[in-house]
All heavy atoms as atom14 arrays in JSON, in Angstrom:
{
  "sequence": "TNYADSLKGRFTISKDSAKNTLYLQMNSLKPEDTGMYYCAADYSLWS",
  "atom14_mask": [
    [1, 1, 1, 1, 1, 1, 1, 0, 0, 0, 0, 0, 0, 0],
    [1, 1, 1, 1, 1, 1, 1, 1, 0, 0, 0, 0, 0, 0],
    [1, 1, 1, 1, 1, 1, 1, 1, 1, 1, 1, 1, 0, 0],
    [1, 1, 1, 1, 1, 0, 0, 0, 0, 0, 0, 0, 0, 0],
    [1, 1, 1, 1, 1, 1, 1, 1, 0, 0, 0, 0, 0, 0],
    [1, 1, 1, 1, 1, 1, 0, 0, 0, 0, 0, 0, 0, 0],
    [1, 1, 1, 1, 1, 1, 1, 1, 0, 0, 0, 0, 0, 0],
    [1, 1, 1, 1, 1, 1, 1, 1, 1, 0, 0, 0, 0, 0],
    [1, 1, 1, 1, 0, 0, 0, 0, 0, 0, 0, 0, 0, 0],
    [1, 1, 1, 1, 1, 1, 1, 1, 1, 1, 1, 0, 0, 0],
    [1, 1, 1, 1, 1, 1, 1, 1, 1, 1, 1, 0, 0, 0],
    [1, 1, 1, 1, 1, 1, 1, 0, 0, 0, 0, 0, 0, 0],
    [1, 1, 1, 1, 1, 1, 1, 1, 0, 0, 0, 0, 0, 0],
    [1, 1, 1, 1, 1, 1, 0, 0, 0, 0, 0, 0, 0, 0],
    [1, 1, 1, 1, 1, 1, 1, 1, 1, 0, 0, 0, 0, 0],
    [1, 1, 1, 1, 1, 1, 1, 1, 0, 0, 0, 0, 0, 0],
    [1, 1, 1, 1, 1, 1, 0, 0, 0, 0, 0, 0, 0, 0],
    [1, 1, 1, 1, 1, 0, 0, 0, 0, 0, 0, 0, 0, 0],
    [1, 1, 1, 1, 1, 1, 1, 1, 1, 0, 0, 0, 0, 0],
    [1, 1, 1, 1, 1, 1, 1, 1, 0, 0, 0, 0, 0, 0],
    [1, 1, 1, 1, 1, 1, 1, 0, 0, 0, 0, 0, 0, 0],
    [1, 1, 1, 1, 1, 1, 1, 1, 0, 0, 0, 0, 0, 0],
    [1, 1, 1, 1, 1, 1, 1, 1, 1, 1, 1, 1, 0, 0],
    [1, 1, 1, 1, 1, 1, 1, 1, 0, 0, 0, 0, 0, 0],
    [1, 1, 1, 1, 1, 1, 1, 1, 1, 0, 0, 0, 0, 0],
    [1, 1, 1, 1, 1, 1, 1, 1, 0, 0, 0, 0, 0, 0],
    [1, 1, 1, 1, 1, 1, 1, 1, 0, 0, 0, 0, 0, 0],
    [1, 1, 1, 1, 1, 1, 0, 0, 0, 0, 0, 0, 0, 0],
    [1, 1, 1, 1, 1, 1, 1, 1, 0, 0, 0, 0, 0, 0],
    [1, 1, 1, 1, 1, 1, 1, 1, 1, 0, 0, 0, 0, 0],
    [1, 1, 1, 1, 1, 1, 1, 0, 0, 0, 0, 0, 0, 0],
    [1, 1, 1, 1, 1, 1, 1, 1, 1, 0, 0, 0, 0, 0],
    [1, 1, 1, 1, 1, 1, 1, 1, 0, 0, 0, 0, 0, 0],
    [1, 1, 1, 1, 1, 1, 1, 0, 0, 0, 0, 0, 0, 0],
    [1, 1, 1, 1, 0, 0, 0, 0, 0, 0, 0, 0, 0, 0],
    [1, 1, 1, 1, 1, 1, 1, 1, 0, 0, 0, 0, 0, 0],
    [1, 1, 1, 1, 1, 1, 1, 1, 1, 1, 1, 1, 0, 0],
    [1, 1, 1, 1, 1, 1, 1, 1, 1, 1, 1, 1, 0, 0],
    [1, 1, 1, 1, 1, 1, 0, 0, 0, 0, 0, 0, 0, 0],
    [1, 1, 1, 1, 1, 0, 0, 0, 0, 0, 0, 0, 0, 0],
    [1, 1, 1, 1, 1, 0, 0, 0, 0, 0, 0, 0, 0, 0],
    [1, 1, 1, 1, 1, 1, 1, 1, 0, 0, 0, 0, 0, 0],
    [1, 1, 1, 1, 1, 1, 1, 1, 1, 1, 1, 1, 0, 0],
    [1, 1, 1, 1, 1, 1, 0, 0, 0, 0, 0, 0, 0, 0],
    [1, 1, 1, 1, 1, 1, 1, 1, 0, 0, 0, 0, 0, 0],
    [1, 1, 1, 1, 1, 1, 1, 1, 1, 1, 1, 1, 1, 1],
    [1, 1, 1, 1, 1, 1, 0, 0, 0, 0, 0, 0, 0, 0]
  ],
  "atom14_positions": [
    [[0.81, -1.2, 0.0], [0.0, 0.0, 0.0], [0.86, 1.26, -0.01], [2.01, 1.25, 0.44], [-0.93, 0.05, 1.22], [-0.14, -0.01, 2.42], [-1.9, -1.13, 1.21], [0.0, 0.0, 0.0], [0.0, 0.0, 0.0], [0.0, 0.0, 0.0], [0.0, 0.0, 0.0], [0.0, 0.0, 0.0], [0.0, 0.0, 0.0], [0.0, 0.0, 0.0]],
    [[0.26, 2.34, -0.49], [0.85, 3.65, -0.41], [-0.25, 4.64, -0.02], [-1.41, 4.48, -0.4], [1.46, 4.08, -1.74], [2.74, 3.36, -2.08], [3.66, 3.27, -1.26], [2.81, 2.82, -3.29], [0.0, 0.0, 0.0], [0.0, 0.0, 0.0], [0.0, 0.0, 0.0], [0.0, 0.0, 0.0], [0.0, 0.0, 0.0], [0.0, 0.0, 0.0]],
    [[0.14, 5.68, 0.72], [-0.8, 6.69, 1.17], [-0.25, 8.08, 0.91], [0.97, 8.3, 0.95], [-1.06, 6.58, 2.68], [-1.78, 5.33, 3.08], [-1.09, 4.18, 3.42], [-3.16, 5.29, 3.15], [-1.75, 3.02, 3.8], [-3.83, 4.16, 3.54], [-3.13, 3.02, 3.85], [-3.8, 1.89, 4.24], [0.0, 0.0, 0.0], [0.0, 0.0, 0.0]],
    [[-1.15, 9.02, 0.67], [-0.76, 10.41, 0.7], [-0.25, 10.72, 2.1], [-0.85, 10.31, 3.1], [-1.93, 11.31, 0.36], [0.0, 0.0, 0.0], [0.0, 0.0, 0.0], [0.0, 0.0, 0.0], [0.0, 0.0, 0.0], [0.0, 0.0, 0.0], [0.0, 0.0, 0.0], [0.0, 0.0, 0.0], [0.0, 0.0, 0.0], [0.0, 0.0, 0.0]],
    [[0.89, 11.44, 2.17], [1.52, 11.69, 3.47], [0.56, 12.33, 4.47], [0.58, 11.99, 5.67], [2.77, 12.57, 3.29], [3.9, 11.85, 2.61], [3.9, 10.6, 2.59], [4.81, 12.52, 2.11], [0.0, 0.0, 0.0], [0.0, 0.0, 0.0], [0.0, 0.0, 0.0], [0.0, 0.0, 0.0], [0.0, 0.0, 0.0], [0.0, 0.0, 0.0]],
    [[-0.24, 13.26, 4.0], [-1.12, 13.98, 4.92], [-2.26, 13.14, 5.45], [-2.9, 13.51, 6.45], [-1.68, 15.23, 4.23], [-2.47, 14.87, 3.1], [0.0, 0.0, 0.0], [0.0, 0.0, 0.0], [0.0, 0.0, 0.0], [0.0, 0.0, 0.0], [0.0, 0.0, 0.0], [0.0, 0.0, 0.0], [0.0, 0.0, 0.0], [0.0, 0.0, 0.0]],
    [[-2.52, 12.02, 4.81], [-3.68, 11.19, 5.2], [-3.28, 9.91, 5.95], [-4.14, 9.25, 6.54], [-4.49, 10.8, 3.97], [-5.04, 11.96, 3.14], [-5.77, 11.43, 1.92], [-5.95, 12.82, 3.99], [0.0, 0.0, 0.0], [0.0, 0.0, 0.0], [0.0, 0.0, 0.0], [0.0, 0.0, 0.0], [0.0, 0.0, 0.0], [0.0, 0.0, 0.0]],
    [[-2.02, 9.57, 5.88], [-1.55, 8.36, 6.53], [-1.83, 8.44, 8.03], [-1.5, 9.43, 8.68], [-0.06, 8.15, 6.28], [0.46, 6.8, 6.71], [1.93, 6.63, 6.32], [2.48, 5.27, 6.74], [1.8, 4.16, 6.02], [0.0, 0.0, 0.0], [0.0, 0.0, 0.0], [0.0, 0.0, 0.0], [0.0, 0.0, 0.0], [0.0, 0.0, 0.0]],
    [[-2.46, 7.41, 8.55], [-2.83, 7.37, 9.95], [-4.33, 7.6, 10.18], [-4.86, 7.16, 11.19], [0.0, 0.0, 0.0], [0.0, 0.0, 0.0], [0.0, 0.0, 0.0], [0.0, 0.0, 0.0], [0.0, 0.0, 0.0], [0.0, 0.0, 0.0], [0.0, 0.0, 0.0], [0.0, 0.0, 0.0], [0.0, 0.0, 0.0], [0.0, 0.0, 0.0]],
    [[-4.97, 8.28, 9.27], [-6.43, 8.49, 9.35], [-7.19, 7.61, 8.38], [-8.3, 7.2, 8.68], [-6.78, 9.96, 9.08], [-6.3, 10.92, 10.12], [-7.03, 12.27, 10.01], [-6.76, 12.92, 8.75], [-7.7, 13.26, 7.85], [-8.97, 13.02, 8.1], [-7.36, 13.88, 6.72], [0.0, 0.0, 0.0], [0.0, 0.0, 0.0], [0.0, 0.0, 0.0]],
    [[-6.61, 7.38, 7.2], [-7.29, 6.59, 6.17], [-6.58, 5.25, 6.01], [-5.36, 5.16, 6.12], [-7.26, 7.32, 4.82], [-8.15, 8.52, 4.72], [-8.7, 9.12, 5.84], [-8.43, 9.07, 3.48], [-9.51, 10.24, 5.73], [-9.24, 10.17, 3.36], [-9.77, 10.76, 4.47], [0.0, 0.0, 0.0], [0.0, 0.0, 0.0], [0.0, 0.0, 0.0]],
    [[-7.37, 4.21, 5.73], [-6.82, 2.88, 5.52], [-7.45, 2.26, 4.27], [-8.68, 2.17, 4.18], [-7.07, 1.96, 6.72], [-6.52, 2.55, 7.89], [-6.44, 0.6, 6.49], [0.0, 0.0, 0.0], [0.0, 0.0, 0.0], [0.0, 0.0, 0.0], [0.0, 0.0, 0.0], [0.0, 0.0, 0.0], [0.0, 0.0, 0.0], [0.0, 0.0, 0.0]],
    [[-6.62, 1.84, 3.32], [-7.1, 1.17, 2.14], [-6.97, -0.35, 2.33], [-5.99, -0.82, 2.93], [-6.33, 1.64, 0.88], [-6.99, 1.1, -0.4], [-4.87, 1.24, 0.94], [-6.42, 1.71, -1.68], [0.0, 0.0, 0.0], [0.0, 0.0, 0.0], [0.0, 0.0, 0.0], [0.0, 0.0, 0.0], [0.0, 0.0, 0.0], [0.0, 0.0, 0.0]],
    [[-7.96, -1.08, 1.84], [-7.91, -2.52, 1.95], [-8.73, -3.1, 0.82], [-9.45, -2.39, 0.1], [-8.42, -3.02, 3.3], [-9.78, -2.65, 3.5], [0.0, 0.0, 0.0], [0.0, 0.0, 0.0], [0.0, 0.0, 0.0], [0.0, 0.0, 0.0], [0.0, 0.0, 0.0], [0.0, 0.0, 0.0], [0.0, 0.0, 0.0], [0.0, 0.0, 0.0]],
    [[-8.64, -4.41, 0.63], [-9.43, -5.08, -0.38], [-9.82, -6.46, 0.09], [-9.16, -7.08, 0.93], [-8.65, -5.17, -1.71], [-7.34, -5.93, -1.65], [-6.64, -5.9, -3.0], [-5.28, -6.57, -2.93], [-5.42, -8.04, -2.74], [0.0, 0.0, 0.0], [0.0, 0.0, 0.0], [0.0, 0.0, 0.0], [0.0, 0.0, 0.0], [0.0, 0.0, 0.0]],
    [[-10.91, -6.95, -0.45], [-11.38, -8.3, -0.22], [-11.42, -8.95, -1.6], [-12.37, -8.74, -2.38], [-12.75, -8.3, 0.44], [-13.23, -9.69, 0.82], [-12.84, -10.65, 0.13], [-14.01, -9.79, 1.79], [0.0, 0.0, 0.0], [0.0, 0.0, 0.0], [0.0, 0.0, 0.0], [0.0, 0.0, 0.0], [0.0, 0.0, 0.0], [0.0, 0.0, 0.0]],
    [[-10.42, -9.74, -1.89], [-10.29, -10.31, -3.23], [-11.44, -11.28, -3.55], [-11.91, -11.35, -4.68], [-8.96, -11.06, -3.36], [-7.87, -10.15, -3.24], [0.0, 0.0, 0.0], [0.0, 0.0, 0.0], [0.0, 0.0, 0.0], [0.0, 0.0, 0.0], [0.0, 0.0, 0.0], [0.0, 0.0, 0.0], [0.0, 0.0, 0.0], [0.0, 0.0, 0.0]],
    [[-11.9, -12.02, -2.55], [-13.0, -12.94, -2.76], [-14.27, -12.23, -3.18], [-15.07, -12.78, -3.94], [-13.24, -13.77, -1.51], [0.0, 0.0, 0.0], [0.0, 0.0, 0.0], [0.0, 0.0, 0.0], [0.0, 0.0, 0.0], [0.0, 0.0, 0.0], [0.0, 0.0, 0.0], [0.0, 0.0, 0.0], [0.0, 0.0, 0.0], [0.0, 0.0, 0.0]],
    [[-14.46, -11.0, -2.69], [-15.64, -10.21, -3.02], [-15.39, -9.21, -4.14], [-16.3, -8.47, -4.52], [-16.15, -9.47, -1.79], [-16.63, -10.38, -0.67], [-17.16, -9.56, 0.49], [-17.69, -10.47, 1.59], [-18.21, -9.67, 2.75], [0.0, 0.0, 0.0], [0.0, 0.0, 0.0], [0.0, 0.0, 0.0], [0.0, 0.0, 0.0], [0.0, 0.0, 0.0]],
    [[-14.15, -9.17, -4.66], [-13.78, -8.22, -5.7], [-14.12, -6.79, -5.29], [-14.67, -6.01, -6.09], [-14.46, -8.57, -7.01], [-14.07, -9.94, -7.54], [-14.93, -10.81, -7.69], [-12.79, -10.12, -7.79], [0.0, 0.0, 0.0], [0.0, 0.0, 0.0], [0.0, 0.0, 0.0], [0.0, 0.0, 0.0], [0.0, 0.0, 0.0], [0.0, 0.0, 0.0]],
    [[-13.79, -6.44, -4.05], [-14.21, -5.15, -3.51], [-13.01, -4.44, -2.87], [-12.25, -5.05, -2.13], [-15.34, -5.33, -2.47], [-16.44, -5.98, -3.1], [-15.77, -3.99, -1.94], [0.0, 0.0, 0.0], [0.0, 0.0, 0.0], [0.0, 0.0, 0.0], [0.0, 0.0, 0.0], [0.0, 0.0, 0.0], [0.0, 0.0, 0.0], [0.0, 0.0, 0.0]],
    [[-12.91, -3.16, -3.16], [-11.92, -2.25, -2.58], [-12.6, -1.41, -1.51], [-13.75, -1.0, -1.69], [-11.33, -1.37, -3.68], [-10.34, -0.29, -3.26], [-9.01, -0.91, -2.9], [-10.18, 0.74, -4.39], [0.0, 0.0, 0.0], [0.0, 0.0, 0.0], [0.0, 0.0, 0.0], [0.0, 0.0, 0.0], [0.0, 0.0, 0.0], [0.0, 0.0, 0.0]],
    [[-11.88, -1.09, -0.43], [-12.43, -0.29, 0.66], [-11.53, 0.87, 0.99], [-10.31, 0.81, 0.8], [-12.61, -1.14, 1.92], [-13.51, -2.33, 1.75], [-12.97, -3.59, 1.57], [-14.89, -2.21, 1.77], [-13.78, -4.71, 1.41], [-15.71, -3.29, 1.63], [-15.16, -4.56, 1.45], [-15.97, -5.64, 1.3], [0.0, 0.0, 0.0], [0.0, 0.0, 0.0]],
    [[-12.12, 1.92, 1.51], [-11.38, 3.02, 2.13], [-12.04, 3.36, 3.44], [-13.17, 3.89, 3.44], [-11.35, 4.23, 1.19], [-10.52, 5.41, 1.7], [-9.02, 5.08, 1.75], [-10.75, 6.65, 0.87], [0.0, 0.0, 0.0], [0.0, 0.0, 0.0], [0.0, 0.0, 0.0], [0.0, 0.0, 0.0], [0.0, 0.0, 0.0], [0.0, 0.0, 0.0]],
    [[-11.39, 3.05, 4.53], [-11.87, 3.43, 5.85], [-11.32, 4.81, 6.18], [-10.11, 5.01, 6.19], [-11.41, 2.43, 6.91], [-11.85, 2.76, 8.32], [-13.34, 2.67, 8.51], [-13.96, 1.71, 8.07], [-13.94, 3.68, 9.15], [0.0, 0.0, 0.0], [0.0, 0.0, 0.0], [0.0, 0.0, 0.0], [0.0, 0.0, 0.0], [0.0, 0.0, 0.0]],
    [[-12.21, 5.75, 6.46], [-11.84, 7.13, 6.73], [-12.26, 7.47, 8.14], [-13.44, 7.46, 8.46], [-12.49, 8.09, 5.72], [-12.18, 7.74, 4.28], [-12.83, 8.97, 3.1], [-14.59, 8.72, 3.35], [0.0, 0.0, 0.0], [0.0, 0.0, 0.0], [0.0, 0.0, 0.0], [0.0, 0.0, 0.0], [0.0, 0.0, 0.0], [0.0, 0.0, 0.0]],
    [[-11.29, 7.79, 8.99], [-11.53, 8.15, 10.38], [-11.1, 9.58, 10.64], [-10.32, 10.16, 9.91], [-10.77, 7.21, 11.31], [-11.22, 5.76, 11.19], [-12.39, 5.48, 10.96], [-10.28, 4.84, 11.34], [0.0, 0.0, 0.0], [0.0, 0.0, 0.0], [0.0, 0.0, 0.0], [0.0, 0.0, 0.0], [0.0, 0.0, 0.0], [0.0, 0.0, 0.0]],
    [[-11.59, 10.15, 11.73], [-11.24, 11.51, 12.14], [-11.4, 12.48, 10.99], [-10.51, 13.29, 10.71], [-9.82, 11.54, 12.69], [-9.68, 10.68, 13.81], [0.0, 0.0, 0.0], [0.0, 0.0, 0.0], [0.0, 0.0, 0.0], [0.0, 0.0, 0.0], [0.0, 0.0, 0.0], [0.0, 0.0, 0.0], [0.0, 0.0, 0.0], [0.0, 0.0, 0.0]],
    [[-12.53, 12.41, 10.33], [-12.74, 13.22, 9.13], [-12.77, 14.71, 9.44], [-13.25, 15.13, 10.51], [-14.04, 12.8, 8.45], [-13.94, 11.5, 7.66], [-15.32, 10.94, 7.35], [-13.16, 11.71, 6.36], [0.0, 0.0, 0.0], [0.0, 0.0, 0.0], [0.0, 0.0, 0.0], [0.0, 0.0, 0.0], [0.0, 0.0, 0.0], [0.0, 0.0, 0.0]],
    [[-12.27, 15.48, 8.5], [-12.19, 16.93, 8.62], [-12.93, 17.56, 7.46], [-13.08, 16.95, 6.4], [-10.73, 17.38, 8.59], [-9.84, 16.73, 9.64], [-8.39, 17.12, 9.44], [-7.49, 16.45, 10.44], [-6.07, 16.8, 10.24], [0.0, 0.0, 0.0], [0.0, 0.0, 0.0], [0.0, 0.0, 0.0], [0.0, 0.0, 0.0], [0.0, 0.0, 0.0]],
    [[-13.39, 18.82, 7.61], [-14.09, 19.46, 6.49], [-13.26, 19.48, 5.2], [-13.85, 19.39, 4.1], [-14.32, 20.88, 7.0], [-14.43, 20.72, 8.49], [-13.43, 19.63, 8.84], [0.0, 0.0, 0.0], [0.0, 0.0, 0.0], [0.0, 0.0, 0.0], [0.0, 0.0, 0.0], [0.0, 0.0, 0.0], [0.0, 0.0, 0.0], [0.0, 0.0, 0.0]],
    [[-11.96, 19.59, 5.29], [-11.13, 19.6, 4.09], [-11.08, 18.23, 3.39], [-10.54, 18.14, 2.28], [-9.72, 20.07, 4.41], [-9.05, 19.31, 5.55], [-9.14, 20.06, 6.86], [-10.21, 20.61, 7.19], [-8.12, 20.1, 7.6], [0.0, 0.0, 0.0], [0.0, 0.0, 0.0], [0.0, 0.0, 0.0], [0.0, 0.0, 0.0], [0.0, 0.0, 0.0]],
    [[-11.63, 17.19, 4.0], [-11.75, 15.91, 3.33], [-12.95, 15.84, 2.4], [-13.11, 14.86, 1.68], [-11.85, 14.77, 4.37], [-10.61, 14.6, 5.19], [-9.49, 14.7, 4.63], [-10.73, 14.36, 6.41], [0.0, 0.0, 0.0], [0.0, 0.0, 0.0], [0.0, 0.0, 0.0], [0.0, 0.0, 0.0], [0.0, 0.0, 0.0], [0.0, 0.0, 0.0]],
    [[-13.78, 16.86, 2.44], [-14.95, 16.9, 1.57], [-14.54, 16.84, 0.11], [-13.58, 17.47, -0.32], [-15.75, 18.17, 1.82], [-16.31, 18.12, 3.14], [-16.88, 18.34, 0.81], [0.0, 0.0, 0.0], [0.0, 0.0, 0.0], [0.0, 0.0, 0.0], [0.0, 0.0, 0.0], [0.0, 0.0, 0.0], [0.0, 0.0, 0.0], [0.0, 0.0, 0.0]],
    [[-15.25, 16.05, -0.68], [-14.99, 15.95, -2.1], [-15.65, 14.73, -2.7], [-16.29, 13.95, -2.03], [0.0, 0.0, 0.0], [0.0, 0.0, 0.0], [0.0, 0.0, 0.0], [0.0, 0.0, 0.0], [0.0, 0.0, 0.0], [0.0, 0.0, 0.0], [0.0, 0.0, 0.0], [0.0, 0.0, 0.0], [0.0, 0.0, 0.0], [0.0, 0.0, 0.0]],
    [[-15.46, 14.61, -4.0], [-15.91, 13.42, -4.72], [-14.77, 12.4, -4.71], [-13.66, 12.72, -5.11], [-16.3, 13.75, -6.15], [-16.91, 12.61, -6.92], [-18.57, 12.17, -6.38], [-19.51, 13.54, -7.08], [0.0, 0.0, 0.0], [0.0, 0.0, 0.0], [0.0, 0.0, 0.0], [0.0, 0.0, 0.0], [0.0, 0.0, 0.0], [0.0, 0.0, 0.0]],
    [[-15.08, 11.22, -4.26], [-14.08, 10.16, -4.14], [-14.29, 9.14, -5.25], [-15.4, 8.65, -5.45], [-14.14, 9.48, -2.79], [-13.52, 10.32, -1.7], [-14.12, 11.49, -1.26], [-12.33, 9.92, -1.09], [-13.56, 12.27, -0.28], [-11.74, 10.7, -0.1], [-12.36, 11.87, 0.31], [-11.78, 12.65, 1.29], [0.0, 0.0, 0.0], [0.0, 0.0, 0.0]],
    [[-13.22, 8.81, -5.95], [-13.24, 7.87, -7.06], [-12.33, 6.69, -6.79], [-11.22, 6.85, -6.26], [-12.75, 8.54, -8.34], [-13.58, 9.71, -8.81], [-13.31, 11.0, -8.39], [-14.62, 9.52, -9.7], [-14.05, 12.07, -8.82], [-15.37, 10.6, -10.16], [-15.07, 11.87, -9.71], [-15.82, 12.94, -10.15], [0.0, 0.0, 0.0], [0.0, 0.0, 0.0]],
    [[-12.76, 5.5, -7.18], [-11.84, 4.38, -7.22], [-11.35, 4.19, -8.64], [-12.03, 4.54, -9.62], [-12.46, 3.11, -6.65], [-13.83, 2.41, -7.6], [0.0, 0.0, 0.0], [0.0, 0.0, 0.0], [0.0, 0.0, 0.0], [0.0, 0.0, 0.0], [0.0, 0.0, 0.0], [0.0, 0.0, 0.0], [0.0, 0.0, 0.0], [0.0, 0.0, 0.0]],
    [[-10.16, 3.64, -8.76], [-9.52, 3.44, -10.07], [-8.72, 2.15, -10.05], [-8.32, 1.66, -9.0], [-8.6, 4.62, -10.39], [0.0, 0.0, 0.0], [0.0, 0.0, 0.0], [0.0, 0.0, 0.0], [0.0, 0.0, 0.0], [0.0, 0.0, 0.0], [0.0, 0.0, 0.0], [0.0, 0.0, 0.0], [0.0, 0.0, 0.0], [0.0, 0.0, 0.0]],
    [[-8.51, 1.62, -11.25], [-7.78, 0.35, -11.36], [-7.02, 0.3, -12.67], [-7.4, 0.93, -13.67], [-8.73, -0.85, -11.27], [0.0, 0.0, 0.0], [0.0, 0.0, 0.0], [0.0, 0.0, 0.0], [0.0, 0.0, 0.0], [0.0, 0.0, 0.0], [0.0, 0.0, 0.0], [0.0, 0.0, 0.0], [0.0, 0.0, 0.0], [0.0, 0.0, 0.0]],
    [[-5.92, -0.44, -12.67], [-5.19, -0.71, -13.88], [-4.31, -1.93, -13.61], [-4.04, -2.29, -12.47], [-4.35, 0.47, -14.33], [-4.15, 0.52, -15.84], [-4.32, -0.54, -16.51], [-3.86, 1.61, -16.36], [0.0, 0.0, 0.0], [0.0, 0.0, 0.0], [0.0, 0.0, 0.0], [0.0, 0.0, 0.0], [0.0, 0.0, 0.0], [0.0, 0.0, 0.0]],
    [[-3.86, -2.52, -14.69], [-2.97, -3.68, -14.58], [-1.56, -3.22, -14.27], [-1.13, -2.14, -14.69], [-3.01, -4.49, -15.87], [-4.4, -4.92, -16.25], [-5.02, -4.44, -17.41], [-5.11, -5.8, -15.44], [-6.29, -4.82, -17.73], [-6.4, -6.17, -15.76], [-6.98, -5.7, -16.91], [-8.27, -6.07, -17.25], [0.0, 0.0, 0.0], [0.0, 0.0, 0.0]],
    [[-0.82, -4.05, -13.52], [0.53, -3.69, -13.1], [1.41, -4.91, -13.11], [1.0, -6.0, -12.67], [0.5, -3.08, -11.7], [1.81, -2.82, -11.23], [0.0, 0.0, 0.0], [0.0, 0.0, 0.0], [0.0, 0.0, 0.0], [0.0, 0.0, 0.0], [0.0, 0.0, 0.0], [0.0, 0.0, 0.0], [0.0, 0.0, 0.0], [0.0, 0.0, 0.0]],
    [[2.64, -4.74, -13.58], [3.64, -5.79, -13.57], [4.57, -5.73, -12.37], [5.34, -6.66, -12.15], [4.46, -5.76, -14.84], [3.71, -5.94, -16.17], [4.66, -5.78, -17.33], [3.02, -7.28, -16.22], [0.0, 0.0, 0.0], [0.0, 0.0, 0.0], [0.0, 0.0, 0.0], [0.0, 0.0, 0.0], [0.0, 0.0, 0.0], [0.0, 0.0, 0.0]],
    [[4.49, -4.65, -11.58], [5.45, -4.39, -10.54], [4.73, -4.14, -9.22], [3.6, -3.73, -9.17], [6.32, -3.18, -10.89], [6.87, -3.23, -12.27], [6.42, -2.52, -13.35], [7.96, -4.01, -12.72], [7.19, -2.84, -14.46], [8.13, -3.77, -14.09], [8.82, -4.93, -12.09], [9.12, -4.37, -14.84], [9.79, -5.57, -12.84], [9.96, -5.26, -14.2]],
    [[5.45, -4.39, -8.14], [4.98, -4.01, -6.83], [5.01, -2.5, -6.69], [5.86, -1.83, -7.25], [5.83, -4.65, -5.73], [5.71, -6.05, -5.73], [0.0, 0.0, 0.0], [0.0, 0.0, 0.0], [0.0, 0.0, 0.0], [0.0, 0.0, 0.0], [0.0, 0.0, 0.0], [0.0, 0.0, 0.0], [0.0, 0.0, 0.0], [0.0, 0.0, 0.0]]
  ]
}
């Protein structure tokens, strides 16, 4: 995993491969976190 430096510690990304589902747990939310959130995917050959 990788995180934006300012969000590390408040947000956690995870996935459930069996359910083909990506998650974003967001804690201690602040007004500046307001926005439209998008998930994205692409194929990768590297870690």
